[in-house]
């Protein structure tokens, strides 16, 4: 991926640390994701121009992307009691060490 898709030279790739490469790869994947989001938005706009007003579609209805699952499946925020119980469990485990 580094040499082919990202376009790093072999010399540049070998001079990167693991964290630097991880950041470069993550930035590349985020850029790719944004391009797909843009493509999906433009396609839905072009389709909606030809549709009646009550039949418009959203970009998400056209096709799904991997990031859609991350947005939908957000973790619930813990209640105050759950938070306090977690703090107690943490403090008990800390005392054992």
Protein backbone atom coordinates (compact mmCIF):
# COMPACT_ATOMS: atom_id res chain seq x y z
CA UNK A 1 0.00 0.00 0.00
CA UNK A 2 2.78 2.46 0.90
CA UNK A 3 4.66 2.20 -2.35
CA UNK A 4 1.74 1.57 -4.70
CA UNK A 5 -1.34 3.43 -3.53
CA UNK A 6 0.15 6.11 -1.28
CA UNK A 7 3.05 6.73 -3.63
CA UNK A 8 5.98 6.69 -1.22
CA UNK A 9 9.37 5.83 -2.60
CA UNK A 10 11.11 2.79 -1.15
CA UNK A 11 13.69 5.06 0.49
CA UNK A 12 10.98 7.21 2.12
CA UNK A 13 9.12 4.13 3.31
CA UNK A 14 12.17 2.65 5.03
CA UNK A 15 13.01 5.95 6.77
CA UNK A 16 9.57 6.15 8.43
CA UNK A 17 8.98 4.89 11.93
CA UNK A 18 5.95 2.68 12.54
CA UNK A 19 3.95 5.59 14.02
CA UNK A 20 4.82 7.87 11.11
CA UNK A 21 3.73 5.23 8.60
CA UNK A 22 0.54 4.62 10.59
CA UNK A 23 -0.30 8.35 10.43
CA UNK A 24 0.42 8.51 6.68
CA UNK A 25 -1.72 5.44 6.00
CA UNK A 26 -4.55 6.74 8.20
CA UNK A 27 -4.52 10.11 6.40
CA UNK A 28 -4.62 8.33 3.03
CA UNK A 29 -7.61 6.22 4.07
CA UNK A 30 -9.46 9.28 5.41
CA UNK A 31 -8.85 11.10 2.13
CA UNK A 32 -10.17 8.10 0.21
CA UNK A 33 -13.24 7.99 2.45
CA UNK A 34 -13.93 11.70 1.84
CA UNK A 35 -13.71 11.14 -1.91
CA UNK A 36 -16.31 8.34 -1.69
CA UNK A 37 -18.57 10.55 0.43
CA UNK A 38 -18.29 13.29 -2.18
CA UNK A 39 -19.05 10.84 -5.01
CA UNK A 40 -22.10 9.50 -3.18
CA UNK A 41 -23.37 13.04 -2.49
CA UNK A 42 -22.97 14.13 -6.12
CA UNK A 43 -24.67 11.00 -7.42
CA UNK A 44 -27.64 11.49 -5.10
CA UNK A 45 -27.94 15.14 -6.15
CA UNK A 46 -27.98 14.17 -9.82
CA UNK A 47 -30.63 11.53 -9.20
CA UNK A 48 -32.78 13.88 -7.10
CA UNK A 49 -32.85 16.47 -9.90
CA UNK A 50 -34.79 14.00 -12.04
CA UNK A 51 -37.10 12.70 -9.27
CA UNK A 52 -40.37 14.17 -8.00
CA UNK A 53 -40.05 16.15 -4.75
CA UNK A 54 -41.69 13.47 -2.64
CA UNK A 55 -39.38 10.73 -3.96
CA UNK A 56 -35.97 12.23 -3.13
CA UNK A 57 -33.26 9.90 -1.84
CA UNK A 58 -30.49 10.48 0.66
CA UNK A 59 -26.85 9.69 -0.15
CA UNK A 60 -26.95 6.83 2.37
CA UNK A 61 -29.81 5.21 0.43
CA UNK A 62 -27.65 4.98 -2.71
CA UNK A 63 -24.90 2.74 -1.33
CA UNK A 64 -23.28 2.19 2.03
CA UNK A 65 -19.71 2.94 3.03
CA UNK A 66 -17.66 1.37 5.84
CA UNK A 67 -17.84 4.62 7.81
CA UNK A 68 -21.65 4.44 7.87
CA UNK A 69 -21.51 1.56 10.35
CA UNK A 70 -19.25 3.55 12.66
CA UNK A 71 -21.64 6.49 12.67
CA UNK A 72 -24.73 4.36 13.34
CA UNK A 73 -23.22 2.17 16.08
CA UNK A 74 -22.18 4.79 18.62
CA UNK A 75 -21.71 3.56 22.16
CA UNK A 76 -24.28 4.83 24.65
CA UNK A 77 -23.10 7.37 27.21
CA UNK A 78 -22.90 5.77 30.67
CA UNK A 79 -25.17 7.02 33.41
CA UNK A 80 -23.77 8.70 36.51
CA UNK A 81 -24.25 5.51 38.56
CA UNK A 82 -22.46 3.38 35.94
CA UNK A 83 -19.60 5.85 35.90
CA UNK A 84 -19.25 5.80 39.70
CA UNK A 85 -19.31 1.98 39.71
CA UNK A 86 -16.54 1.93 37.10
CA UNK A 87 -14.47 4.33 39.21
CA UNK A 88 -14.91 2.10 42.24
CA UNK A 89 -13.84 -0.99 40.28
CA UNK A 90 -10.81 0.90 39.00
CA UNK A 91 -9.80 2.04 42.47
CA UNK A 92 -10.19 -1.49 43.90
CA UNK A 93 -7.95 -2.90 41.18
CA UNK A 94 -5.41 -0.14 41.77
CA UNK A 95 -5.14 -1.00 45.47
CA UNK A 96 -4.23 -4.63 44.70
CA UNK A 97 -1.12 -3.62 42.77
